[in-house]
Amino acid sequence: FNTYTMAWFRQTPGKEREEREFVAAIRGNNDSTYSSDSVKG
């Protein structure tokens, strides 16, 4: 938990697994967070 990068993705019907959309991520060890423009804010 404390060292791995963890992320959220989302998938809509008709899309393949490889087409999952990145939503947000949090970096292990320093808690920096990143999010997609579509959900920022």
Full PDB file with SEQRES, HELIX, SHEET, SSBOND, CRYST1, ORIGX, SCALE, CONECT and MASTER records, all heavy atoms in Angstrom:
SEQRES   1 A   41  PHE ASN THR TYR THR MET ALA TRP PHE ARG GLN THR PRO          
SEQRES   2 A   41  GLY LYS GLU ARG GLU GLU ARG GLU PHE VAL ALA ALA ILE          
SEQRES   3 A   41  ARG GLY ASN ASN ASP SER THR TYR SER SER ASP SER VAL          
SEQRES   4 A   41  LYS GLY                                                      
HELIX    1 AA1 ARG A   17  GLU A   19  5                                   3    
SHEET    1 AA1 3 MET A   6  ARG A  10  0                                        
SHEET    2 AA1 3 GLU A  21  ILE A  26 -1                                        
SHEET    3 AA1 3 THR A  33  SER A  35 -1                                        
CRYST1    1.000    1.000    1.000  90.00  90.00  90.00 P 1           1          
ORIGX1      1.000000  0.000000  0.000000        0.00000                         
ORIGX2      0.000000  1.000000  0.000000        0.00000                         
ORIGX3      0.000000  0.000000  1.000000        0.00000                         
SCALE1      1.000000  0.000000  0.000000        0.00000                         
SCALE2      0.000000  1.000000  0.000000        0.00000                         
SCALE3      0.000000  0.000000  1.000000        0.00000                         
ATOM      1  N   PHE A   1       0.799  -1.221   0.000  1.00  0.00           N  
ATOM      2  CA  PHE A   1       0.000   0.000   0.000  1.00  0.00           C  
ATOM      3  C   PHE A   1       0.835   1.275   0.000  1.00  0.00           C  
ATOM      4  O   PHE A   1       0.559   2.201  -0.750  1.00  0.00           O  
ATOM      5  CB  PHE A   1      -0.939  -0.009   1.202  1.00  0.00           C  
ATOM      6  CG  PHE A   1      -1.845   1.183   1.246  1.00  0.00           C  
ATOM      7  CD1 PHE A   1      -2.952   1.256   0.428  1.00  0.00           C  
ATOM      8  CD2 PHE A   1      -1.570   2.257   2.081  1.00  0.00           C  
ATOM      9  CE1 PHE A   1      -3.778   2.364   0.440  1.00  0.00           C  
ATOM     10  CE2 PHE A   1      -2.385   3.366   2.106  1.00  0.00           C  
ATOM     11  CZ  PHE A   1      -3.500   3.416   1.285  1.00  0.00           C  
ATOM     12  N   ASN A   2       1.847   1.341   0.815  1.00  0.00           N  
ATOM     13  CA  ASN A   2       2.563   2.609   0.976  1.00  0.00           C  
ATOM     14  C   ASN A   2       3.646   2.852  -0.061  1.00  0.00           C  
ATOM     15  O   ASN A   2       4.218   3.938  -0.105  1.00  0.00           O  
ATOM     16  CB  ASN A   2       3.179   2.677   2.372  1.00  0.00           C  
ATOM     17  CG  ASN A   2       2.129   2.907   3.438  1.00  0.00           C  
ATOM     18  OD1 ASN A   2       1.180   3.654   3.235  1.00  0.00           O  
ATOM     19  ND2 ASN A   2       2.288   2.257   4.574  1.00  0.00           N  
ATOM     20  N   THR A   3       3.930   1.868  -0.875  1.00  0.00           N  
ATOM     21  CA  THR A   3       4.994   2.038  -1.860  1.00  0.00           C  
ATOM     22  C   THR A   3       4.509   1.972  -3.304  1.00  0.00           C  
ATOM     23  O   THR A   3       5.117   2.573  -4.179  1.00  0.00           O  
ATOM     24  CB  THR A   3       6.084   0.983  -1.662  1.00  0.00           C  
ATOM     25  OG1 THR A   3       5.488  -0.326  -1.740  1.00  0.00           O  
ATOM     26  CG2 THR A   3       6.751   1.152  -0.296  1.00  0.00           C  
ATOM     27  N   TYR A   4       3.444   1.266  -3.561  1.00  0.00           N  
ATOM     28  CA  TYR A   4       2.956   1.124  -4.911  1.00  0.00           C  
ATOM     29  C   TYR A   4       2.172   2.356  -5.353  1.00  0.00           C  
ATOM     30  O   TYR A   4       1.529   3.032  -4.552  1.00  0.00           O  
ATOM     31  CB  TYR A   4       2.026  -0.087  -5.023  1.00  0.00           C  
ATOM     32  CG  TYR A   4       2.725  -1.425  -5.177  1.00  0.00           C  
ATOM     33  CD1 TYR A   4       3.961  -1.673  -4.612  1.00  0.00           C  
ATOM     34  CD2 TYR A   4       2.113  -2.455  -5.897  1.00  0.00           C  
ATOM     35  CE1 TYR A   4       4.576  -2.914  -4.756  1.00  0.00           C  
ATOM     36  CE2 TYR A   4       2.715  -3.690  -6.045  1.00  0.00           C  
ATOM     37  CZ  TYR A   4       3.954  -3.913  -5.469  1.00  0.00           C  
ATOM     38  OH  TYR A   4       4.555  -5.136  -5.621  1.00  0.00           O  
ATOM     39  N   THR A   5       2.185   2.611  -6.643  1.00  0.00           N  
ATOM     40  CA  THR A   5       1.295   3.589  -7.254  1.00  0.00           C  
ATOM     41  C   THR A   5      -0.105   2.989  -7.297  1.00  0.00           C  
ATOM     42  O   THR A   5      -0.276   1.821  -7.670  1.00  0.00           O  
ATOM     43  CB  THR A   5       1.751   3.904  -8.680  1.00  0.00           C  
ATOM     44  OG1 THR A   5       3.022   4.540  -8.624  1.00  0.00           O  
ATOM     45  CG2 THR A   5       0.744   4.804  -9.387  1.00  0.00           C  
ATOM     46  N   MET A   6      -1.090   3.773  -6.936  1.00  0.00           N  
ATOM     47  CA  MET A   6      -2.469   3.315  -7.037  1.00  0.00           C  
ATOM     48  C   MET A   6      -3.244   4.293  -7.907  1.00  0.00           C  
ATOM     49  O   MET A   6      -2.986   5.501  -7.883  1.00  0.00           O  
ATOM     50  CB  MET A   6      -3.091   3.184  -5.657  1.00  0.00           C  
ATOM     51  CG  MET A   6      -2.396   2.127  -4.801  1.00  0.00           C  
ATOM     52  SD  MET A   6      -3.336   1.612  -3.380  1.00  0.00           S  
ATOM     53  CE  MET A   6      -4.693   0.729  -4.154  1.00  0.00           C  
ATOM     54  N   ALA A   7      -4.180   3.758  -8.664  1.00  0.00           N  
ATOM     55  CA  ALA A   7      -4.891   4.585  -9.629  1.00  0.00           C  
ATOM     56  C   ALA A   7      -6.343   4.139  -9.776  1.00  0.00           C  
ATOM     57  O   ALA A   7      -6.702   3.019  -9.415  1.00  0.00           O  
ATOM     58  CB  ALA A   7      -4.196   4.507 -10.986  1.00  0.00           C  
ATOM     59  N   TRP A   8      -7.133   5.046 -10.316  1.00  0.00           N  
ATOM     60  CA  TRP A   8      -8.510   4.756 -10.696  1.00  0.00           C  
ATOM     61  C   TRP A   8      -8.640   4.924 -12.206  1.00  0.00           C  
ATOM     62  O   TRP A   8      -8.142   5.912 -12.775  1.00  0.00           O  
ATOM     63  CB  TRP A   8      -9.479   5.697 -10.006  1.00  0.00           C  
ATOM     64  CG  TRP A   8      -9.649   5.458  -8.544  1.00  0.00           C  
ATOM     65  CD1 TRP A   8      -9.014   6.115  -7.518  1.00  0.00           C  
ATOM     66  CD2 TRP A   8     -10.502   4.491  -7.912  1.00  0.00           C  
ATOM     67  NE1 TRP A   8      -9.422   5.624  -6.305  1.00  0.00           N  
ATOM     68  CE2 TRP A   8     -10.335   4.621  -6.518  1.00  0.00           C  
ATOM     69  CE3 TRP A   8     -11.383   3.535  -8.396  1.00  0.00           C  
ATOM     70  CZ2 TRP A   8     -11.031   3.829  -5.596  1.00  0.00           C  
ATOM     71  CZ3 TRP A   8     -12.078   2.743  -7.488  1.00  0.00           C  
ATOM     72  CH2 TRP A   8     -11.901   2.894  -6.108  1.00  0.00           C  
ATOM     73  N   PHE A   9      -9.307   3.963 -12.811  1.00  0.00           N  
ATOM     74  CA  PHE A   9      -9.669   4.023 -14.216  1.00  0.00           C  
ATOM     75  C   PHE A   9     -11.171   3.787 -14.322  1.00  0.00           C  
ATOM     76  O   PHE A   9     -11.793   3.291 -13.392  1.00  0.00           O  
ATOM     77  CB  PHE A   9      -8.952   2.921 -15.010  1.00  0.00           C  
ATOM     78  CG  PHE A   9      -7.479   3.151 -15.204  1.00  0.00           C  
ATOM     79  CD1 PHE A   9      -6.566   2.889 -14.196  1.00  0.00           C  
ATOM     80  CD2 PHE A   9      -6.995   3.634 -16.418  1.00  0.00           C  
ATOM     81  CE1 PHE A   9      -5.202   3.100 -14.382  1.00  0.00           C  
ATOM     82  CE2 PHE A   9      -5.643   3.847 -16.612  1.00  0.00           C  
ATOM     83  CZ  PHE A   9      -4.746   3.579 -15.593  1.00  0.00           C  
ATOM     84  N   ARG A  10     -11.721   4.123 -15.468  1.00  0.00           N  
ATOM     85  CA  ARG A  10     -13.135   3.826 -15.689  1.00  0.00           C  
ATOM     86  C   ARG A  10     -13.341   3.299 -17.104  1.00  0.00           C  
ATOM     87  O   ARG A  10     -12.597   3.641 -18.015  1.00  0.00           O  
ATOM     88  CB  ARG A  10     -14.007   5.044 -15.422  1.00  0.00           C  
ATOM     89  CG  ARG A  10     -13.766   6.235 -16.299  1.00  0.00           C  
ATOM     90  CD  ARG A  10     -14.574   7.437 -15.780  1.00  0.00           C  
ATOM     91  NE  ARG A  10     -14.429   8.603 -16.632  1.00  0.00           N  
ATOM     92  CZ  ARG A  10     -14.924   9.811 -16.344  1.00  0.00           C  
ATOM     93  NH1 ARG A  10     -15.596  10.000 -15.213  1.00  0.00           N  
ATOM     94  NH2 ARG A  10     -14.768  10.816 -17.178  1.00  0.00           N  
ATOM     95  N   GLN A  11     -14.376   2.463 -17.217  1.00  0.00           N  
ATOM     96  CA  GLN A  11     -14.662   1.814 -18.498  1.00  0.00           C  
ATOM     97  C   GLN A  11     -16.154   1.887 -18.764  1.00  0.00           C  
ATOM     98  O   GLN A  11     -16.979   1.587 -17.902  1.00  0.00           O  
ATOM     99  CB  GLN A  11     -14.218   0.347 -18.430  1.00  0.00           C  
ATOM    100  CG  GLN A  11     -14.380  -0.435 -19.712  1.00  0.00           C  
ATOM    101  CD  GLN A  11     -13.821  -1.852 -19.593  1.00  0.00           C  
ATOM    102  OE1 GLN A  11     -13.238  -2.240 -18.570  1.00  0.00           O  
ATOM    103  NE2 GLN A  11     -13.971  -2.652 -20.630  1.00  0.00           N  
ATOM    104  N   THR A  12     -16.489   2.296 -19.981  1.00  0.00           N  
ATOM    105  CA  THR A  12     -17.887   2.376 -20.397  1.00  0.00           C  
ATOM    106  C   THR A  12     -18.212   1.219 -21.338  1.00  0.00           C  
ATOM    107  O   THR A  12     -17.310   0.644 -21.965  1.00  0.00           O  
ATOM    108  CB  THR A  12     -18.165   3.718 -21.079  1.00  0.00           C  
ATOM    109  OG1 THR A  12     -17.207   3.912 -22.132  1.00  0.00           O  
ATOM    110  CG2 THR A  12     -18.035   4.861 -20.090  1.00  0.00           C  
ATOM    111  N   PRO A  13     -19.503   0.891 -21.449  1.00  0.00           N  
ATOM    112  CA  PRO A  13     -19.906  -0.223 -22.316  1.00  0.00           C  
ATOM    113  C   PRO A  13     -19.422  -0.043 -23.748  1.00  0.00           C  
ATOM    114  O   PRO A  13     -19.457   1.076 -24.288  1.00  0.00           O  
ATOM    115  CB  PRO A  13     -21.436  -0.176 -22.242  1.00  0.00           C  
ATOM    116  CG  PRO A  13     -21.724   0.436 -20.927  1.00  0.00           C  
ATOM    117  CD  PRO A  13     -20.651   1.448 -20.713  1.00  0.00           C  
ATOM    118  N   GLY A  14     -18.964  -1.137 -24.320  1.00  0.00           N  
ATOM    119  CA  GLY A  14     -18.474  -1.103 -25.685  1.00  0.00           C  
ATOM    120  C   GLY A  14     -16.987  -0.837 -25.795  1.00  0.00           C  
ATOM    121  O   GLY A  14     -16.406  -0.992 -26.868  1.00  0.00           O  
ATOM    122  N   LYS A  15     -16.387  -0.426 -24.714  1.00  0.00           N  
ATOM    123  CA  LYS A  15     -14.943  -0.192 -24.715  1.00  0.00           C  
ATOM    124  C   LYS A  15     -14.215  -1.437 -24.219  1.00  0.00           C  
ATOM    125  O   LYS A  15     -14.683  -2.136 -23.326  1.00  0.00           O  
ATOM    126  CB  LYS A  15     -14.588   0.990 -23.813  1.00  0.00           C  
ATOM    127  CG  LYS A  15     -15.111   2.341 -24.295  1.00  0.00           C  
ATOM    128  CD  LYS A  15     -14.361   2.813 -25.511  1.00  0.00           C  
ATOM    129  CE  LYS A  15     -14.819   4.187 -25.968  1.00  0.00           C  
ATOM    130  NZ  LYS A  15     -14.416   5.244 -25.047  1.00  0.00           N  
ATOM    131  N   GLU A  16     -13.055  -1.672 -24.755  1.00  0.00           N  
ATOM    132  CA  GLU A  16     -12.235  -2.800 -24.328  1.00  0.00           C  
ATOM    133  C   GLU A  16     -11.444  -2.428 -23.073  1.00  0.00           C  
ATOM    134  O   GLU A  16     -11.279  -1.230 -22.758  1.00  0.00           O  
ATOM    135  CB  GLU A  16     -11.269  -3.196 -25.447  1.00  0.00           C  
ATOM    136  CG  GLU A  16     -11.940  -3.620 -26.741  1.00  0.00           C  
ATOM    137  CD  GLU A  16     -12.709  -4.919 -26.574  1.00  0.00           C  
ATOM    138  OE1 GLU A  16     -12.307  -5.747 -25.731  1.00  0.00           O  
ATOM    139  OE2 GLU A  16     -13.721  -5.107 -27.288  1.00  0.00           O  
ATOM    140  N   ARG A  17     -10.938  -3.453 -22.416  1.00  0.00           N  
ATOM    141  CA  ARG A  17     -10.139  -3.229 -21.217  1.00  0.00           C  
ATOM    142  C   ARG A  17      -9.004  -2.246 -21.466  1.00  0.00           C  
ATOM    143  O   ARG A  17      -8.715  -1.382 -20.658  1.00  0.00           O  
ATOM    144  CB  ARG A  17      -9.567  -4.571 -20.750  1.00  0.00           C  
ATOM    145  CG  ARG A  17      -8.607  -4.490 -19.571  1.00  0.00           C  
ATOM    146  CD  ARG A  17      -7.922  -5.810 -19.339  1.00  0.00           C  
ATOM    147  NE  ARG A  17      -6.894  -5.733 -18.313  1.00  0.00           N  
ATOM    148  CZ  ARG A  17      -7.034  -6.162 -17.089  1.00  0.00           C  
ATOM    149  NH1 ARG A  17      -8.166  -6.714 -16.707  1.00  0.00           N  
ATOM    150  NH2 ARG A  17      -6.049  -6.067 -16.205  1.00  0.00           N  
ATOM    151  N   GLU A  18      -8.351  -2.377 -22.611  1.00  0.00           N  
ATOM    152  CA  GLU A  18      -7.205  -1.519 -22.930  1.00  0.00           C  
ATOM    153  C   GLU A  18      -7.613  -0.063 -23.154  1.00  0.00           C  
ATOM    154  O   GLU A  18      -6.751   0.824 -23.211  1.00  0.00           O  
ATOM    155  CB  GLU A  18      -6.489  -2.037 -24.186  1.00  0.00           C  
ATOM    156  CG  GLU A  18      -5.804  -3.396 -24.006  1.00  0.00           C  
ATOM    157  CD  GLU A  18      -6.774  -4.558 -23.926  1.00  0.00           C  
ATOM    158  OE1 GLU A  18      -7.928  -4.414 -24.364  1.00  0.00           O  
ATOM    159  OE2 GLU A  18      -6.368  -5.621 -23.400  1.00  0.00           O  
ATOM    160  N   GLU A  19      -8.923   0.159 -23.307  1.00  0.00           N  
ATOM    161  CA  GLU A  19      -9.423   1.500 -23.540  1.00  0.00           C  
ATOM    162  C   GLU A  19      -9.955   2.162 -22.267  1.00  0.00           C  
ATOM    163  O   GLU A  19     -10.592   3.217 -22.342  1.00  0.00           O  
ATOM    164  CB  GLU A  19     -10.538   1.447 -24.582  1.00  0.00           C  
ATOM    165  CG  GLU A  19     -10.075   0.966 -25.946  1.00  0.00           C  
ATOM    166  CD  GLU A  19     -11.239   0.826 -26.913  1.00  0.00           C  
ATOM    167  OE1 GLU A  19     -12.017  -0.151 -26.781  1.00  0.00           O  
ATOM    168  OE2 GLU A  19     -11.371   1.686 -27.797  1.00  0.00           O  
ATOM    169  N   ARG A  20      -9.711   1.555 -21.158  1.00  0.00           N  
ATOM    170  CA  ARG A  20     -10.129   2.183 -19.906  1.00  0.00           C  
ATOM    171  C   ARG A  20      -9.515   3.558 -19.798  1.00  0.00           C  
ATOM    172  O   ARG A  20      -8.340   3.763 -20.137  1.00  0.00           O  
ATOM    173  CB  ARG A  20      -9.725   1.310 -18.720  1.00  0.00           C  
ATOM    174  CG  ARG A  20     -10.533   0.030 -18.610  1.00  0.00           C  
ATOM    175  CD  ARG A  20     -10.063  -0.871 -17.474  1.00  0.00           C  
ATOM    176  NE  ARG A  20     -10.884  -2.080 -17.432  1.00  0.00           N  
ATOM    177  CZ  ARG A  20     -10.642  -3.121 -16.635  1.00  0.00           C  
ATOM    178  NH1 ARG A  20      -9.616  -3.098 -15.788  1.00  0.00           N  
ATOM    179  NH2 ARG A  20     -11.443  -4.164 -16.675  1.00  0.00           N  
ATOM    180  N   GLU A  21     -10.317   4.485 -19.293  1.00  0.00           N  
ATOM    181  CA  GLU A  21      -9.897   5.878 -19.180  1.00  0.00           C  
ATOM    182  C   GLU A  21      -9.251   6.140 -17.828  1.00  0.00           C  
ATOM    183  O   GLU A  21      -9.828   5.813 -16.781  1.00  0.00           O  
ATOM    184  CB  GLU A  21     -11.102   6.807 -19.351  1.00  0.00           C  
ATOM    185  CG  GLU A  21     -10.768   8.280 -19.220  1.00  0.00           C  
ATOM    186  CD  GLU A  21     -12.024   9.151 -19.166  1.00  0.00           C  
ATOM    187  OE1 GLU A  21     -13.138   8.593 -19.186  1.00  0.00           O  
ATOM    188  OE2 GLU A  21     -11.874  10.380 -19.084  1.00  0.00           O  
ATOM    189  N   PHE A  22      -8.086   6.729 -17.859  1.00  0.00           N  
ATOM    190  CA  PHE A  22      -7.426   7.124 -16.626  1.00  0.00           C  
ATOM    191  C   PHE A  22      -8.241   8.212 -15.930  1.00  0.00           C  
ATOM    192  O   PHE A  22      -8.686   9.174 -16.563  1.00  0.00           O  
ATOM    193  CB  PHE A  22      -6.024   7.642 -16.942  1.00  0.00           C  
ATOM    194  CG  PHE A  22      -5.339   8.290 -15.766  1.00  0.00           C  
ATOM    195  CD1 PHE A  22      -4.725   7.510 -14.797  1.00  0.00           C  
ATOM    196  CD2 PHE A  22      -5.311   9.665 -15.635  1.00  0.00           C  
ATOM    197  CE1 PHE A  22      -4.098   8.106 -13.717  1.00  0.00           C  
ATOM    198  CE2 PHE A  22      -4.684  10.269 -14.570  1.00  0.00           C  
ATOM    199  CZ  PHE A  22      -4.087   9.493 -13.601  1.00  0.00           C  
ATOM    200  N   VAL A  23      -8.402   8.073 -14.628  1.00  0.00           N  
ATOM    201  CA  VAL A  23      -9.139   9.061 -13.843  1.00  0.00           C  
ATOM    202  C   VAL A  23      -8.203   9.797 -12.888  1.00  0.00           C  
ATOM    203  O   VAL A  23      -8.145  11.024 -12.889  1.00  0.00           O  
ATOM    204  CB  VAL A  23     -10.278   8.400 -13.047  1.00  0.00           C  
ATOM    205  CG1 VAL A  23     -10.978   9.420 -12.158  1.00  0.00           C  
ATOM    206  CG2 VAL A  23     -11.277   7.738 -13.992  1.00  0.00           C  
ATOM    207  N   ALA A  24      -7.488   9.043 -12.067  1.00  0.00           N  
ATOM    208  CA  ALA A  24      -6.614   9.668 -11.066  1.00  0.00           C  
ATOM    209  C   ALA A  24      -5.605   8.646 -10.579  1.00  0.00           C  
ATOM    210  O   ALA A  24      -5.807   7.442 -10.702  1.00  0.00           O  
ATOM    211  CB  ALA A  24      -7.423  10.210  -9.897  1.00  0.00           C  
ATOM    212  N   ALA A  25      -4.504   9.156 -10.015  1.00  0.00           N  
ATOM    213  CA  ALA A  25      -3.476   8.295  -9.448  1.00  0.00           C  
ATOM    214  C   ALA A  25      -2.856   8.969  -8.242  1.00  0.00           C  
ATOM    215  O   ALA A  25      -2.850  10.203  -8.130  1.00  0.00           O  
ATOM    216  CB  ALA A  25      -2.398   7.970 -10.477  1.00  0.00           C  
ATOM    217  N   ILE A  26      -2.336   8.133  -7.348  1.00  0.00           N  
ATOM    218  CA  ILE A  26      -1.600   8.633  -6.193  1.00  0.00           C  
ATOM    219  C   ILE A  26      -0.309   7.850  -6.102  1.00  0.00           C  
ATOM    220  O   ILE A  26      -0.292   6.616  -6.200  1.00  0.00           O  
ATOM    221  CB  ILE A  26      -2.441   8.546  -4.899  1.00  0.00           C  
ATOM    222  CG1 ILE A  26      -1.743   9.280  -3.753  1.00  0.00           C  
ATOM    223  CG2 ILE A  26      -2.755   7.099  -4.524  1.00  0.00           C  
ATOM    224  CD1 ILE A  26      -2.676   9.548  -2.568  1.00  0.00           C  
ATOM    225  N   ARG A  27       0.754   8.583  -5.938  1.00  0.00           N  
ATOM    226  CA  ARG A  27       2.074   7.973  -5.969  1.00  0.00           C  
ATOM    227  C   ARG A  27       2.442   7.422  -4.608  1.00  0.00           C  
ATOM    228  O   ARG A  27       2.202   8.088  -3.586  1.00  0.00           O  
ATOM    229  CB  ARG A  27       3.078   9.052  -6.399  1.00  0.00           C  
ATOM    230  CG  ARG A  27       4.464   8.575  -6.608  1.00  0.00           C  
ATOM    231  CD  ARG A  27       5.291   9.708  -7.196  1.00  0.00           C  
ATOM    232  NE  ARG A  27       6.676   9.309  -7.380  1.00  0.00           N  
ATOM    233  CZ  ARG A  27       7.607  10.058  -7.931  1.00  0.00           C  
ATOM    234  NH1 ARG A  27       7.292  11.277  -8.370  1.00  0.00           N  
ATOM    235  NH2 ARG A  27       8.822   9.617  -8.070  1.00  0.00           N  
ATOM    236  N   GLY A  28       3.013   6.241  -4.600  1.00  0.00           N  
ATOM    237  CA  GLY A  28       3.492   5.665  -3.358  1.00  0.00           C  
ATOM    238  C   GLY A  28       4.644   6.485  -2.806  1.00  0.00           C  
ATOM    239  O   GLY A  28       5.340   7.162  -3.544  1.00  0.00           O  
ATOM    240  N   ASN A  29       4.848   6.440  -1.539  1.00  0.00           N  
ATOM    241  CA  ASN A  29       5.976   7.076  -0.851  1.00  0.00           C  
ATOM    242  C   ASN A  29       5.880   8.588  -0.680  1.00  0.00           C  
ATOM    243  O   ASN A  29       6.506   9.127   0.231  1.00  0.00           O  
ATOM    244  CB  ASN A  29       7.302   6.758  -1.542  1.00  0.00           C  
ATOM    245  CG  ASN A  29       7.667   5.301  -1.389  1.00  0.00           C  
ATOM    246  OD1 ASN A  29       7.353   4.669  -0.386  1.00  0.00           O  
ATOM    247  ND2 ASN A  29       8.311   4.745  -2.404  1.00  0.00           N  
ATOM    248  N   ASN A  30       5.143   9.290  -1.574  1.00  0.00           N  
ATOM    249  CA  ASN A  30       5.085  10.729  -1.340  1.00  0.00           C  
ATOM    250  C   ASN A  30       3.698  11.326  -1.501  1.00  0.00           C  
ATOM    251  O   ASN A  30       3.524  12.514  -1.342  1.00  0.00           O  
ATOM    252  CB  ASN A  30       6.091  11.484  -2.215  1.00  0.00           C  
ATOM    253  CG  ASN A  30       5.698  11.504  -3.676  1.00  0.00           C  
ATOM    254  OD1 ASN A  30       4.603  11.115  -4.047  1.00  0.00           O  
ATOM    255  ND2 ASN A  30       6.594  11.980  -4.520  1.00  0.00           N  
ATOM    256  N   ASP A  31       2.704  10.502  -1.837  1.00  0.00           N  
ATOM    257  CA  ASP A  31       1.300  10.925  -1.877  1.00  0.00           C  
ATOM    258  C   ASP A  31       0.989  11.997  -2.913  1.00  0.00           C  
ATOM    259  O   ASP A  31      -0.049  12.654  -2.822  1.00  0.00           O  
ATOM    260  CB  ASP A  31       0.835  11.426  -0.504  1.00  0.00           C  
ATOM    261  CG  ASP A  31       0.568  10.255   0.434  1.00  0.00           C  
ATOM    262  OD1 ASP A  31       0.630   9.105  -0.014  1.00  0.00           O  
ATOM    263  OD2 ASP A  31       0.297  10.514   1.622  1.00  0.00           O  
ATOM    264  N   SER A  32       1.832  12.208  -3.862  1.00  0.00           N  
ATOM    265  CA  SER A  32       1.487  13.127  -4.949  1.00  0.00           C  
ATOM    266  C   SER A  32       0.307  12.557  -5.715  1.00  0.00           C  
ATOM    267  O   SER A  32       0.245  11.353  -5.972  1.00  0.00           O  
ATOM    268  CB  SER A  32       2.668  13.292  -5.902  1.00  0.00           C  
ATOM    269  OG  SER A  32       3.752  13.884  -5.246  1.00  0.00           O  
ATOM    270  N   THR A  33      -0.636  13.423  -6.076  1.00  0.00           N  
ATOM    271  CA  THR A  33      -1.821  12.969  -6.796  1.00  0.00           C  
ATOM    272  C   THR A  33      -1.899  13.614  -8.170  1.00  0.00           C  
ATOM    273  O   THR A  33      -1.388  14.719  -8.384  1.00  0.00           O  
ATOM    274  CB  THR A  33      -3.110  13.272  -6.019  1.00  0.00           C  
ATOM    275  OG1 THR A  33      -3.190  14.680  -5.782  1.00  0.00           O  
ATOM    276  CG2 THR A  33      -3.125  12.540  -4.695  1.00  0.00           C  
ATOM    277  N   TYR A  34      -2.532  12.904  -9.079  1.00  0.00           N  
ATOM    278  CA  TYR A  34      -2.680  13.342 -10.450  1.00  0.00           C  
ATOM    279  C   TYR A  34      -4.098  12.989 -10.887  1.00  0.00           C  
ATOM    280  O   TYR A  34      -4.639  11.969 -10.464  1.00  0.00           O  
ATOM    281  CB  TYR A  34      -1.673  12.634 -11.347  1.00  0.00           C  
ATOM    282  CG  TYR A  34      -0.241  12.759 -10.868  1.00  0.00           C  
ATOM    283  CD1 TYR A  34       0.243  11.918  -9.866  1.00  0.00           C  
ATOM    284  CD2 TYR A  34       0.606  13.726 -11.374  1.00  0.00           C  
ATOM    285  CE1 TYR A  34       1.539  12.037  -9.398  1.00  0.00           C  
ATOM    286  CE2 TYR A  34       1.912  13.846 -10.919  1.00  0.00           C  
ATOM    287  CZ  TYR A  34       2.367  13.002  -9.934  1.00  0.00           C  
ATOM    288  OH  TYR A  34       3.655  13.125  -9.465  1.00  0.00           O  
ATOM    289  N   SER A  35      -4.697  13.812 -11.729  1.00  0.00           N  
ATOM    290  CA  SER A  35      -6.030  13.492 -12.220  1.00  0.00           C  
ATOM    291  C   SER A  35      -6.177  13.935 -13.666  1.00  0.00           C  
ATOM    292  O   SER A  35      -5.425  14.796 -14.152  1.00  0.00           O  
ATOM    293  CB  SER A  35      -7.095  14.149 -11.347  1.00  0.00           C  
ATOM    294  OG  SER A  35      -6.932  15.538 -11.322  1.00  0.00           O  
ATOM    295  N   SER A  36      -7.141  13.347 -14.333  1.00  0.00           N  
ATOM    296  CA  SER A  36      -7.375  13.706 -15.729  1.00  0.00           C  
ATOM    297  C   SER A  36      -8.072  15.059 -15.814  1.00  0.00           C  
ATOM    298  O   SER A  36      -8.736  15.492 -14.866  1.00  0.00           O  
ATOM    299  CB  SER A  36      -8.227  12.632 -16.396  1.00  0.00           C  
ATOM    300  OG  SER A  36      -9.532  12.638 -15.863  1.00  0.00           O  
ATOM    301  N   ASP A  37      -7.962  15.684 -16.934  1.00  0.00           N  
ATOM    302  CA  ASP A  37      -8.597  16.992 -17.126  1.00  0.00           C  
ATOM    303  C   ASP A  37     -10.116  16.889 -17.014  1.00  0.00           C  
ATOM    304  O   ASP A  37     -10.771  17.832 -16.577  1.00  0.00           O  
ATOM    305  CB  ASP A  37      -8.208  17.557 -18.492  1.00  0.00           C  
ATOM    306  CG  ASP A  37      -6.770  18.007 -18.526  1.00  0.00           C  
ATOM    307  OD1 ASP A  37      -6.158  18.178 -17.458  1.00  0.00           O  
ATOM    308  OD2 ASP A  37      -6.249  18.175 -19.650  1.00  0.00           O  
ATOM    309  N   SER A  38     -10.680  15.748 -17.387  1.00  0.00           N  
ATOM    310  CA  SER A  38     -12.131  15.606 -17.387  1.00  0.00           C  
ATOM    311  C   SER A  38     -12.732  15.586 -15.983  1.00  0.00           C  
ATOM    312  O   SER A  38     -13.930  15.820 -15.824  1.00  0.00           O  
ATOM    313  CB  SER A  38     -12.528  14.334 -18.139  1.00  0.00           C  
ATOM    314  OG  SER A  38     -12.007  13.180 -17.488  1.00  0.00           O  
ATOM    315  N   VAL A  39     -11.922  15.306 -14.984  1.00  0.00           N  
ATOM    316  CA  VAL A  39     -12.444  15.247 -13.617  1.00  0.00           C  
ATOM    317  C   VAL A  39     -11.780  16.245 -12.683  1.00  0.00           C  
ATOM    318  O   VAL A  39     -12.179  16.372 -11.517  1.00  0.00           O  
ATOM    319  CB  VAL A  39     -12.297  13.825 -13.017  1.00  0.00           C  
ATOM    320  CG1 VAL A  39     -12.943  12.787 -13.929  1.00  0.00           C  
ATOM    321  CG2 VAL A  39     -10.832  13.484 -12.758  1.00  0.00           C  
ATOM    322  N   LYS A  40     -10.794  16.951 -13.189  1.00  0.00           N  
ATOM    323  CA  LYS A  40     -10.057  17.887 -12.333  1.00  0.00           C  
ATOM    324  C   LYS A  40     -11.011  18.936 -11.764  1.00  0.00           C  
ATOM    325  O   LYS A  40     -11.851  19.483 -12.466  1.00  0.00           O  
ATOM    326  CB  LYS A  40      -8.944  18.544 -13.139  1.00  0.00           C  
ATOM    327  CG  LYS A  40      -7.856  19.182 -12.300  1.00  0.00           C  
ATOM    328  CD  LYS A  40      -6.603  19.392 -13.136  1.00  0.00           C  
ATOM    329  CE  LYS A  40      -5.940  18.078 -13.495  1.00  0.00           C  
ATOM    330  NZ  LYS A  40      -4.658  18.260 -14.215  1.00  0.00           N  
ATOM    331  N   GLY A  41     -10.888  19.169 -10.473  1.00  0.00           N  
ATOM    332  CA  GLY A  41     -11.767  20.128  -9.814  1.00  0.00           C  
ATOM    333  C   GLY A  41     -13.027  19.499  -9.264  1.00  0.00           C  
ATOM    334  O   GLY A  41     -13.742  20.122  -8.463  1.00  0.00           O  
TER     335      GLY A  41                                                      
MASTER        0    0    0    1    3    0    0    6  334    1    0    4          
END                                                                             
